[in-house]
Amino acid sequence: MNKSELRRIYKQKRKEFSSENIETKSLAISNQLLQLPIWNLSFYHIFLSITEHKEINTDYILNILSGKDKNSVISKTHFESLKMIHYLLLDTTVIKKNSWNIPEPVDGIEIDSAKIDVVFVPLLAFDKQGHRVGYGKGFYDKFLSECRPETLKIGLSLFEAEEKIEDVSESDVALDYCVTPQTIYSFST
């Protein structure tokens, strides 16, 4: 299937989830993440969940990062430039929802993309080759292309992998891992 078909299908599948279902799956994904060999690094970029889109609840992962005394990094989106500015998440960070209901930091200490060791990537669907379908604006592909080549890219999915996304482009940045409630997919060669 192509990206637009997958986007439509998976947005609909998410709509059918209850809040309890999302919480259960989110907790299972967080527990799966603990099995990955990623916890000896410093800077972890994480998205804050858009509850209106029934995204995975990343609060569980934020708790893990805090418990392991890691640096959590969150972003502010600039729709005019389709870029993301990254900020260190502190206890004092003020979070507000933008006009797209994306929770974002108001301001803070900027972190360069090159400093980030691990990126937890939101997605709607992904395939067995590590390609993902997002919301279609290209924010994460731009951001991931700015990161160091060794930065780990970990997709977080409420669903299992599709066989193949047909219309992958050269600008699409593949994942190293994708974690679902049941499975850890590894795409590293």
Protein backbone atom coordinates (compact mmCIF):
# COMPACT_ATOMS: atom_id res chain seq x y z
CA MET A 1 0.00 0.00 0.00
CA ASN A 2 1.06 3.60 -0.44
CA LYS A 3 1.45 6.23 2.29
CA SER A 4 -1.86 8.01 1.77
CA GLU A 5 -3.81 4.73 1.97
CA LEU A 6 -1.92 3.68 5.10
CA ARG A 7 -2.40 7.11 6.67
CA ARG A 8 -6.16 6.89 6.13
CA ILE A 9 -6.42 3.29 7.40
CA TYR A 10 -4.32 3.78 10.52
CA LYS A 11 -5.94 7.06 11.53
CA GLN A 12 -9.26 5.21 11.42
CA LYS A 13 -7.88 2.25 13.40
CA ARG A 14 -6.64 4.62 16.10
CA LYS A 15 -10.05 6.31 16.35
CA GLU A 16 -11.51 2.97 17.37
CA PHE A 17 -9.21 2.66 20.42
CA SER A 18 -10.48 3.48 23.89
CA SER A 19 -8.33 5.52 26.27
CA GLU A 20 -7.77 2.38 28.35
CA ASN A 21 -6.59 0.48 25.28
CA ILE A 22 -4.06 3.20 24.44
CA GLU A 23 -2.78 3.25 28.04
CA THR A 24 -2.33 -0.54 28.07
CA LYS A 25 -0.51 -0.53 24.73
CA SER A 26 1.62 2.47 25.73
CA LEU A 27 2.75 0.76 28.92
CA ALA A 28 3.57 -2.43 26.99
CA ILE A 29 5.67 -0.43 24.47
CA SER A 30 7.53 1.27 27.32
CA ASN A 31 8.30 -2.09 28.91
CA GLN A 32 9.54 -3.43 25.56
CA LEU A 33 11.90 -0.45 25.24
CA LEU A 34 13.70 -1.55 28.42
CA GLN A 35 14.98 -4.59 26.47
CA LEU A 36 16.87 -2.44 23.93
CA PRO A 37 20.61 -1.72 24.39
CA ILE A 38 20.07 2.05 24.37
CA TRP A 39 20.22 3.12 28.00
CA ASN A 40 23.91 4.03 28.26
CA LEU A 41 23.54 7.23 26.19
CA SER A 42 22.80 10.83 27.24
CA PHE A 43 20.30 12.76 25.08
CA TYR A 44 16.92 11.19 24.24
CA HIS A 45 14.46 13.05 22.02
CA ILE A 46 10.83 12.22 22.70
CA PHE A 47 7.57 13.54 21.33
CA LEU A 48 4.78 14.65 23.63
CA SER A 49 1.57 12.84 22.77
CA ILE A 50 -1.27 14.44 20.86
CA THR A 51 -4.15 12.89 22.80
CA GLU A 52 -6.68 14.05 20.20
CA HIS A 53 -4.90 11.82 17.65
CA LYS A 54 -4.84 8.88 20.06
CA GLU A 55 -1.05 8.64 19.96
CA ILE A 56 0.95 6.42 22.28
CA ASN A 57 1.20 7.96 25.76
CA THR A 58 4.89 8.84 26.08
CA ASP A 59 4.60 9.73 29.79
CA TYR A 60 5.72 6.18 30.63
CA ILE A 61 8.91 6.64 28.60
CA LEU A 62 9.51 10.05 30.17
CA ASN A 63 9.31 8.34 33.58
CA ILE A 64 11.91 5.77 32.49
CA LEU A 65 14.22 8.53 31.24
CA SER A 66 13.82 10.47 34.46
CA GLY A 67 14.42 7.35 36.56
CA LYS A 68 17.61 6.64 34.64
CA ASP A 69 18.70 10.29 35.01
CA LYS A 70 18.81 10.87 31.23
CA ASN A 71 18.43 14.16 29.35
CA SER A 72 14.99 14.33 27.73
CA VAL A 73 14.66 16.59 24.70
CA ILE A 74 11.33 17.81 23.26
CA SER A 75 10.56 19.97 20.24
CA LYS A 76 8.66 22.99 19.09
CA THR A 77 7.38 22.87 15.51
CA HIS A 78 7.59 25.74 13.05
CA PHE A 79 5.01 25.08 10.34
CA GLU A 80 6.27 27.89 8.09
CA SER A 81 9.74 26.33 7.73
CA LEU A 82 8.65 22.73 8.51
CA LYS A 83 11.49 22.58 11.04
CA MET A 84 11.68 21.57 14.67
CA ILE A 85 13.61 23.39 17.41
CA HIS A 86 14.70 21.11 20.26
CA TYR A 87 14.73 21.98 23.96
CA LEU A 88 15.97 20.24 27.08
CA LEU A 89 12.98 19.17 29.19
CA LEU A 90 13.37 20.44 32.74
CA ASP A 91 11.06 20.46 35.76
CA THR A 92 10.55 24.17 35.06
CA THR A 93 9.70 23.77 31.34
CA VAL A 94 6.33 25.32 30.49
CA ILE A 95 4.34 23.20 28.00
CA LYS A 96 1.48 24.63 25.91
CA LYS A 97 -0.53 23.13 23.06
CA ASN A 98 -0.11 24.86 19.71
CA SER A 99 -2.96 25.40 17.21
CA TRP A 100 -2.51 21.77 16.01
CA ASN A 101 -2.91 20.46 19.61
CA ILE A 102 0.78 19.52 19.77
CA PRO A 103 2.14 19.99 23.30
CA GLU A 104 5.33 22.06 23.02
CA PRO A 105 7.80 23.89 25.24
CA VAL A 106 7.26 27.64 25.36
CA ASP A 107 11.03 28.18 25.46
CA GLY A 108 14.10 26.81 27.18
CA ILE A 109 17.63 25.56 26.62
CA GLU A 110 18.10 24.72 22.93
CA ILE A 111 19.74 21.40 22.05
CA ASP A 112 21.36 20.94 18.64
CA SER A 113 20.19 17.92 16.60
CA ALA A 114 23.79 16.68 16.47
CA LYS A 115 23.81 16.19 20.28
CA ILE A 116 20.84 13.80 20.27
CA ASP A 117 21.70 10.12 20.75
CA VAL A 118 18.25 8.50 20.49
CA VAL A 119 15.05 9.72 18.82
CA PHE A 120 11.71 8.12 19.69
CA VAL A 121 9.76 8.63 16.46
CA PRO A 122 5.98 8.96 16.20
CA LEU A 123 4.27 7.21 13.31
CA LEU A 124 0.98 5.95 11.98
CA ALA A 125 2.34 2.83 10.25
CA PHE A 126 5.66 1.23 9.32
CA ASP A 127 6.92 -1.64 7.19
CA LYS A 128 9.31 -4.56 7.67
CA GLN A 129 12.13 -2.58 6.04
CA GLY A 130 11.99 0.18 8.67
CA HIS A 131 10.15 2.81 6.62
CA ARG A 132 7.43 4.80 8.34
CA VAL A 133 4.31 6.77 7.55
CA GLY A 134 3.77 9.91 9.60
CA TYR A 135 1.25 12.69 9.23
CA GLY A 136 2.79 13.78 5.93
CA LYS A 137 4.47 17.13 6.66
CA GLY A 138 8.04 15.75 6.72
CA PHE A 139 9.04 17.24 10.09
CA TYR A 140 10.72 14.08 11.34
CA ASP A 141 12.48 13.23 8.07
CA LYS A 142 14.05 16.72 8.08
CA PHE A 143 14.96 16.43 11.76
CA LEU A 144 16.40 12.89 11.46
CA SER A 145 18.51 13.94 8.46
CA GLU A 146 20.11 16.62 10.70
CA CYS A 147 21.10 14.07 13.35
CA ARG A 148 24.41 12.20 13.40
CA PRO A 149 24.43 8.96 11.36
CA GLU A 150 24.82 6.91 14.57
CA THR A 151 21.78 8.52 16.24
CA LEU A 152 19.32 5.70 16.96
CA LYS A 153 15.89 6.15 15.42
CA ILE A 154 13.22 4.16 17.27
CA GLY A 155 9.64 4.14 16.00
CA LEU A 156 6.82 3.65 18.50
CA SER A 157 3.77 1.93 17.04
CA LEU A 158 0.45 0.77 18.40
CA PHE A 159 0.27 -1.67 15.46
CA GLU A 160 2.46 -4.37 13.90
CA ALA A 161 4.43 -3.90 10.66
CA GLU A 162 3.00 -3.73 7.18
CA GLU A 163 4.81 -5.84 4.58
CA LYS A 164 5.97 -2.91 2.43
CA ILE A 165 5.27 0.79 1.92
CA GLU A 166 5.21 1.22 -1.85
CA ASP A 167 6.03 4.90 -2.28
CA VAL A 168 9.12 5.42 -0.10
CA SER A 169 11.19 8.39 -1.30
CA GLU A 170 14.90 9.17 -1.03
CA SER A 171 14.21 11.83 1.62
CA ASP A 172 12.50 9.28 3.92
CA VAL A 173 14.79 8.37 6.82
CA ALA A 174 14.49 4.73 7.86
CA LEU A 175 14.23 3.56 11.47
CA ASP A 176 16.79 1.46 13.34
CA TYR A 177 14.07 -0.12 15.49
CA CYS A 178 10.33 -0.05 15.84
CA VAL A 179 8.66 -1.11 19.07
CA THR A 180 5.07 -2.29 19.34
CA PRO A 181 3.24 -3.73 22.36
CA GLN A 182 4.19 -7.27 21.23
CA THR A 183 7.34 -6.96 19.10
CA ILE A 184 10.72 -5.28 18.78
CA TYR A 185 11.65 -4.91 15.11
CA SER A 186 15.32 -4.32 14.33
CA PHE A 187 16.30 -2.86 10.96
CA SER A 188 19.99 -2.17 11.57
CA THR A 189 22.32 -3.84 9.11
